Amino acid sequence: MEDIEKFETLEAKSTWGGVRPNSGRPKGSENPETKRRNKIERAMKKRILKSVDNLITSQMTLAKGVQMLYVITTNEKGIRSKPTIVTDKYLIEKFLAGELEGEKEEYYFITTERPDNRALDSLLDRIFGKAHQSTTIKGDIDNPVIIQVSQEAIDKYKLYATTPGPSGDI
């Protein structure tokens, strides 16, 4: 009787777990989540490439800093308006030539915005390559562990961390 029970137990165990031929995802195929992320990444790159000239121009403007001409107008009662940005090229040229100084009801002034150091770094990184970045992981106080992390790995992590998951959460 014991032999029959052992045989039934062995037979039941052999059908559970272990390697099964042709089971699981085929070797070399991508996880559906990886496929989705790659598709999003390709679409994002394609969209960015369409406006790359405008993006570079904007980044150059940030890197150099911005100058804007404003005007404050005064009405008949002496009430001043809020400053508004002048976009008319003719008025800007007249101001730069010094031809708008005598106007009493309009006050023109230029303000500047500081250059953005991150934009400068980004442009220089594109030309000369990104500087190597190290991340220190605290191990022993006397012997910290230093791991070299490539910019590609950092960029992939940023994309991974900012891509919504199946539930829509980031």
Protein backbone atom coordinates (compact mmCIF):
# COMPACT_ATOMS: atom_id res chain seq x y z
CA MET A 1 0.00 0.00 0.00
CA GLU A 2 2.87 2.38 0.85
CA ASP A 3 4.45 1.75 -2.53
CA ILE A 4 1.26 2.81 -4.33
CA GLU A 5 1.04 6.03 -2.28
CA LYS A 6 4.71 6.84 -3.01
CA PHE A 7 4.15 6.21 -6.73
CA GLU A 8 1.05 8.48 -6.80
CA THR A 9 2.96 11.18 -4.90
CA LEU A 10 5.94 10.98 -7.30
CA GLU A 11 3.62 11.07 -10.32
CA ALA A 12 1.81 14.15 -8.96
CA LYS A 13 5.11 15.91 -8.19
CA SER A 14 6.49 15.30 -11.67
CA THR A 15 3.66 17.31 -13.28
CA TRP A 16 4.22 20.38 -11.08
CA GLY A 17 7.03 22.88 -11.57
CA GLY A 18 10.30 22.41 -13.36
CA VAL A 19 11.21 23.19 -16.94
CA ARG A 20 8.50 22.71 -19.52
CA PRO A 21 9.40 22.66 -23.20
CA ASN A 22 8.14 25.66 -25.26
CA SER A 23 6.83 27.47 -22.18
CA GLY A 24 7.24 31.17 -21.50
CA ARG A 25 8.15 34.01 -23.82
CA PRO A 26 10.25 32.98 -26.85
CA LYS A 27 13.99 33.56 -26.43
CA GLY A 28 15.06 36.98 -27.72
CA SER A 29 11.55 38.45 -27.73
CA GLU A 30 10.81 41.64 -25.82
CA ASN A 31 8.61 42.03 -22.79
CA PRO A 32 5.32 43.77 -23.77
CA GLU A 33 6.17 46.60 -21.34
CA THR A 34 9.58 47.07 -23.03
CA LYS A 35 7.87 47.16 -26.43
CA ARG A 36 5.49 49.85 -25.18
CA ARG A 37 8.32 51.96 -23.73
CA ASN A 38 10.38 51.64 -26.91
CA LYS A 39 7.38 52.73 -28.96
CA ILE A 40 6.88 55.78 -26.71
CA GLU A 41 10.60 56.61 -26.87
CA ARG A 42 10.62 56.43 -30.70
CA ALA A 43 7.51 58.65 -30.91
CA MET A 44 9.04 61.15 -28.48
CA LYS A 45 12.34 61.30 -30.44
CA LYS A 46 10.45 61.71 -33.71
CA ARG A 47 8.40 64.57 -32.27
CA ILE A 48 11.48 66.31 -30.85
CA LEU A 49 13.40 65.94 -34.11
CA LYS A 50 10.60 67.76 -35.98
CA SER A 51 11.28 70.94 -33.99
CA VAL A 52 14.99 70.54 -33.28
CA ASP A 53 15.94 73.88 -34.92
CA ASN A 54 13.50 75.83 -32.75
CA LEU A 55 14.62 73.95 -29.62
CA ILE A 56 18.29 74.70 -30.30
CA THR A 57 17.47 78.37 -30.95
CA SER A 58 15.53 78.53 -27.68
CA GLN A 59 18.35 76.86 -25.79
CA MET A 60 20.88 79.27 -27.32
CA THR A 61 18.69 82.18 -26.22
CA LEU A 62 18.56 80.80 -22.68
CA ALA A 63 22.32 80.24 -22.71
CA LYS A 64 23.02 83.83 -23.80
CA GLY A 65 20.35 85.48 -21.67
CA VAL A 66 17.34 87.47 -22.80
CA GLN A 67 16.75 91.18 -23.25
CA MET A 68 13.21 92.53 -23.46
CA LEU A 69 11.89 96.01 -24.12
CA TYR A 70 8.95 97.08 -21.97
CA VAL A 71 6.69 100.13 -22.12
CA ILE A 72 4.58 101.75 -19.41
CA THR A 73 1.93 104.14 -20.68
CA THR A 74 0.34 106.98 -18.71
CA ASN A 75 -3.23 108.08 -19.53
CA GLU A 76 -4.71 111.62 -19.29
CA LYS A 77 -5.51 111.15 -15.57
CA GLY A 78 -1.88 110.22 -14.79
CA ILE A 79 -2.63 106.54 -14.18
CA ARG A 80 0.16 104.26 -15.35
CA SER A 81 -0.43 100.89 -17.00
CA LYS A 82 1.35 97.71 -16.11
CA PRO A 83 4.56 97.10 -18.08
CA THR A 84 3.94 95.37 -21.39
CA ILE A 85 6.50 93.74 -23.68
CA VAL A 86 7.16 95.60 -26.93
CA THR A 87 7.20 93.23 -29.90
CA ASP A 88 7.04 95.81 -32.71
CA LYS A 89 10.43 95.75 -34.48
CA TYR A 90 10.01 99.38 -35.60
CA LEU A 91 9.56 100.61 -31.98
CA ILE A 92 12.48 98.47 -30.79
CA GLU A 93 14.73 99.95 -33.49
CA LYS A 94 13.61 103.49 -32.58
CA PHE A 95 14.33 102.85 -28.87
CA LEU A 96 17.78 101.45 -29.62
CA ALA A 97 18.49 104.48 -31.82
CA GLY A 98 17.49 106.76 -28.91
CA GLU A 99 14.46 108.25 -30.70
CA LEU A 100 11.83 107.38 -28.03
CA GLU A 101 13.45 109.09 -25.03
CA GLY A 102 11.35 112.28 -25.14
CA GLU A 103 7.90 110.69 -24.92
CA LYS A 104 6.14 111.74 -21.68
CA GLU A 105 3.12 109.43 -21.83
CA GLU A 106 5.24 106.37 -22.59
CA TYR A 107 8.19 105.09 -20.59
CA TYR A 108 10.40 102.49 -22.25
CA PHE A 109 12.96 100.34 -20.47
CA ILE A 110 15.01 97.22 -21.16
CA THR A 111 15.34 94.38 -18.72
CA THR A 112 17.63 91.40 -19.00
CA GLU A 113 17.41 87.87 -17.79
CA ARG A 114 20.56 86.07 -16.69
CA PRO A 115 21.93 83.26 -18.84
CA ASP A 116 20.82 79.79 -17.77
CA ASN A 117 23.87 77.74 -16.77
CA ARG A 118 22.06 74.44 -17.41
CA ALA A 119 21.42 75.50 -21.01
CA LEU A 120 25.11 76.37 -21.39
CA ASP A 121 26.13 72.99 -19.95
CA SER A 122 23.72 71.16 -22.21
CA LEU A 123 25.02 72.87 -25.35
CA LEU A 124 28.65 72.27 -24.40
CA ASP A 125 27.88 68.62 -23.58
CA ARG A 126 26.44 68.18 -27.07
CA ILE A 127 29.62 69.54 -28.65
CA PHE A 128 32.36 68.10 -26.42
CA GLY A 129 30.56 65.13 -24.87
CA LYS A 130 29.20 64.64 -21.40
CA ALA A 131 31.69 64.60 -18.56
CA HIS A 132 31.94 61.28 -16.71
CA GLN A 133 29.67 61.13 -13.70
CA SER A 134 30.31 59.04 -10.62
CA THR A 135 27.88 57.95 -7.97
CA THR A 136 29.16 57.09 -4.52
CA ILE A 137 27.38 54.36 -2.65
CA LYS A 138 28.13 54.45 1.06
CA GLY A 139 29.75 51.25 2.13
CA ASP A 140 32.49 51.31 4.69
CA ILE A 141 33.39 54.79 6.01
CA ASP A 142 37.06 54.30 5.17
CA ASN A 143 36.45 52.59 1.80
CA PRO A 144 33.50 54.03 -0.15
CA VAL A 145 32.47 52.13 -3.27
CA ILE A 146 32.59 54.19 -6.48
CA ILE A 147 30.57 53.07 -9.48
CA GLN A 148 30.90 54.68 -12.93
CA VAL A 149 27.47 55.36 -14.41
CA SER A 150 27.18 56.18 -18.10
CA GLN A 151 25.00 59.05 -19.28
CA GLU A 152 23.07 56.56 -21.42
CA ALA A 153 22.15 54.57 -18.29
CA ILE A 154 21.09 57.78 -16.52
CA ASP A 155 18.96 58.85 -19.52
CA LYS A 156 17.32 55.41 -19.73
CA TYR A 157 16.52 55.54 -16.02
CA LYS A 158 15.03 59.04 -16.38
CA LEU A 159 12.83 57.81 -19.24
CA TYR A 160 11.85 54.74 -17.21
CA ALA A 161 11.12 56.83 -14.10
CA THR A 162 8.98 59.35 -16.00
CA THR A 163 7.04 56.91 -18.21
CA PRO A 164 3.58 56.02 -16.84
CA GLY A 165 3.08 52.38 -16.01
CA PRO A 166 0.05 50.25 -16.98
CA SER A 167 -2.02 51.87 -14.23
CA GLY A 168 -1.07 55.38 -15.42
CA ASP A 169 1.10 56.05 -12.35
CA ILE A 170 4.63 57.35 -12.72
